[in-house]
Amino acid sequence: MRTHEVIARSAKKPLWLWAQIFSQALLLIFWANKLREGDDGAAIVMTVLLSIVVILSVAAVFGFQRVELVLTDDAVLLRRRWHPITVARADIRAVRGDIPGRPSWSASLIVQLDAGQIVTLPTFGQTGATLVPTLQEWAGVGETPTVR
């Protein structure tokens, strides 16, 4: 059987985030130089605003996290930096998309566990039509809860 299989992952960090930081930093340097030269009016406002934009852009780049949906022999893992989720295979009672009966329309996966708990997992831009059957086959369940 599989020991570790990545069935879905989020997209890589977009390159335009780096281009945004670079262009905003150039604008910040330009306006900071204008401020240094004594042009007080717009230079103060632009320097402050661009400083905030550069800080937010850097936070977006370093805060961007890659997420993976991984199947192991005994659990499904949502691996991410903050709040990873592990669901034991034995606890899964049903797997479906967020639109019942229409996995191809679904934007997220609904995993129903023992005691009626529900875990919602992202589809990472794929349709539920590919991920729902894979998880159902792996867990040995269908769309409706089963008793084991």
Protein backbone atom coordinates (compact mmCIF):
# COMPACT_ATOMS: atom_id res chain seq x y z
CA MET A 1 0.00 0.00 0.00
CA ARG A 2 1.03 3.65 -0.11
CA THR A 3 3.05 5.08 2.71
CA HIS A 4 2.87 8.72 1.75
CA GLU A 5 1.09 10.15 -1.29
CA VAL A 6 0.47 13.83 -2.01
CA ILE A 7 -2.88 14.00 -3.81
CA ALA A 8 -3.21 17.80 -3.98
CA ARG A 9 -1.11 20.88 -3.26
CA SER A 10 -1.56 24.60 -3.42
CA ALA A 11 0.07 26.66 -6.13
CA LYS A 12 3.60 27.97 -5.77
CA LYS A 13 4.20 31.49 -4.55
CA PRO A 14 3.37 33.80 -7.46
CA LEU A 15 6.35 35.63 -8.92
CA TRP A 16 4.35 38.83 -9.20
CA LEU A 17 4.60 39.15 -5.40
CA TRP A 18 8.36 39.62 -5.74
CA ALA A 19 7.89 42.04 -8.64
CA GLN A 20 5.45 44.02 -6.53
CA ILE A 21 7.96 44.34 -3.69
CA PHE A 22 10.68 45.43 -6.10
CA SER A 23 8.55 48.07 -7.84
CA GLN A 24 7.13 49.42 -4.58
CA ALA A 25 10.63 49.61 -3.09
CA LEU A 26 11.81 51.63 -6.11
CA LEU A 27 8.90 54.03 -5.68
CA LEU A 28 9.66 54.29 -1.96
CA ILE A 29 13.28 55.18 -2.71
CA PHE A 30 12.15 57.81 -5.22
CA TRP A 31 9.72 59.48 -2.80
CA ALA A 32 12.09 59.20 0.17
CA ASN A 33 14.70 61.00 -1.94
CA LYS A 34 12.12 63.71 -2.79
CA LEU A 35 11.40 64.06 0.93
CA ARG A 36 15.13 64.34 1.68
CA GLU A 37 15.44 67.09 -0.94
CA GLY A 38 12.82 69.12 0.90
CA ASP A 39 9.67 68.49 -1.16
CA ASP A 40 7.35 68.18 1.84
CA GLY A 41 3.78 67.98 0.48
CA ALA A 42 3.20 64.81 -1.46
CA ALA A 43 6.55 63.29 -0.50
CA ILE A 44 5.55 62.79 3.14
CA VAL A 45 2.26 61.14 2.24
CA MET A 46 3.78 58.94 -0.48
CA THR A 47 6.73 57.89 1.70
CA VAL A 48 4.43 56.83 4.53
CA LEU A 49 1.96 55.06 2.25
CA LEU A 50 4.66 53.27 0.27
CA SER A 51 6.38 52.19 3.49
CA ILE A 52 3.14 50.57 4.58
CA VAL A 53 2.64 48.94 1.17
CA VAL A 54 6.20 47.53 1.15
CA ILE A 55 5.76 46.12 4.66
CA LEU A 56 2.44 44.50 3.68
CA SER A 57 3.96 43.10 0.47
CA VAL A 58 6.86 41.55 2.37
CA ALA A 59 4.38 40.10 4.88
CA ALA A 60 2.37 38.62 1.98
CA VAL A 61 5.46 36.97 0.49
CA PHE A 62 6.71 35.48 3.73
CA GLY A 63 3.23 34.66 5.00
CA PHE A 64 2.29 32.74 1.85
CA GLN A 65 2.16 29.11 2.85
CA ARG A 66 2.22 26.03 0.70
CA VAL A 67 -0.43 23.51 1.66
CA GLU A 68 -0.53 19.80 0.78
CA LEU A 69 -3.20 17.13 1.11
CA VAL A 70 -1.41 13.86 1.88
CA LEU A 71 -2.69 10.30 2.20
CA THR A 72 -0.80 7.88 4.41
CA ASP A 73 -1.72 4.30 5.27
CA ASP A 74 -3.75 5.33 8.31
CA ALA A 75 -4.55 9.06 8.03
CA VAL A 76 -5.22 11.98 5.71
CA LEU A 77 -3.07 15.01 6.47
CA LEU A 78 -3.56 18.65 5.57
CA ARG A 79 0.02 19.84 5.88
CA ARG A 80 0.49 23.54 6.36
CA ARG A 81 2.55 25.81 8.59
CA TRP A 82 -0.33 26.98 10.78
CA HIS A 83 -2.95 24.58 12.11
CA PRO A 84 -2.18 21.31 10.29
CA ILE A 85 -5.03 18.79 10.32
CA THR A 86 -4.74 15.02 10.73
CA VAL A 87 -7.78 12.77 10.30
CA ALA A 88 -7.44 9.07 11.09
CA ARG A 89 -8.75 6.74 8.41
CA ALA A 90 -10.77 4.74 10.95
CA ASP A 91 -12.67 7.89 12.04
CA ILE A 92 -13.94 8.77 8.54
CA ARG A 93 -17.60 7.91 7.89
CA ALA A 94 -18.29 9.84 4.66
CA VAL A 95 -16.54 12.00 2.08
CA ARG A 96 -18.36 14.36 -0.27
CA GLY A 97 -18.04 17.73 -1.92
CA ASP A 98 -19.59 20.84 -0.42
CA ILE A 99 -22.38 20.50 -3.01
CA PRO A 100 -23.93 17.06 -2.31
CA GLY A 101 -24.23 14.86 -5.38
CA ARG A 102 -22.16 17.27 -7.50
CA PRO A 103 -18.47 16.72 -6.77
CA SER A 104 -17.47 18.46 -10.01
CA TRP A 105 -19.10 21.67 -8.74
CA SER A 106 -17.55 21.46 -5.29
CA ALA A 107 -14.92 23.92 -4.08
CA SER A 108 -14.12 22.03 -0.87
CA LEU A 109 -14.19 18.52 0.55
CA ILE A 110 -16.44 17.60 3.46
CA VAL A 111 -15.15 14.73 5.59
CA GLN A 112 -17.67 13.46 8.12
CA LEU A 113 -16.19 11.76 11.17
CA ASP A 114 -17.42 9.73 14.13
CA ALA A 115 -19.91 11.52 16.39
CA GLY A 116 -21.04 13.72 13.49
CA GLN A 117 -17.94 15.92 13.42
CA ILE A 118 -17.21 17.56 10.07
CA VAL A 119 -13.82 18.56 8.69
CA THR A 120 -13.70 20.82 5.63
CA LEU A 121 -10.66 20.50 3.37
CA PRO A 122 -9.74 22.68 0.36
CA THR A 123 -9.52 21.26 -3.17
CA PHE A 124 -6.52 23.43 -4.17
CA GLY A 125 -8.09 24.57 -7.42
CA GLN A 126 -8.89 21.03 -8.53
CA THR A 127 -12.49 19.97 -8.81
CA GLY A 128 -14.03 17.70 -6.24
CA ALA A 129 -14.63 15.26 -9.12
CA THR A 130 -11.03 14.08 -8.84
CA LEU A 131 -10.46 14.31 -5.09
CA VAL A 132 -13.79 13.03 -3.73
CA PRO A 133 -13.57 9.58 -5.42
CA THR A 134 -9.91 9.26 -4.42
CA LEU A 135 -10.67 9.94 -0.76
CA GLN A 136 -13.80 7.77 -0.81
CA GLU A 137 -11.86 4.84 -2.25
CA TRP A 138 -8.99 5.32 0.21
CA ALA A 139 -11.31 5.52 3.24
CA GLY A 140 -13.71 2.85 1.97
CA VAL A 141 -16.77 5.09 2.40
CA GLY A 142 -19.31 6.88 0.23
CA GLU A 143 -21.15 10.21 0.31
CA THR A 144 -23.48 9.18 3.11
CA PRO A 145 -22.21 8.23 6.59
CA THR A 146 -21.55 4.56 7.14
CA VAL A 147 -21.44 2.65 10.41
CA ARG A 148 -18.35 0.55 11.03
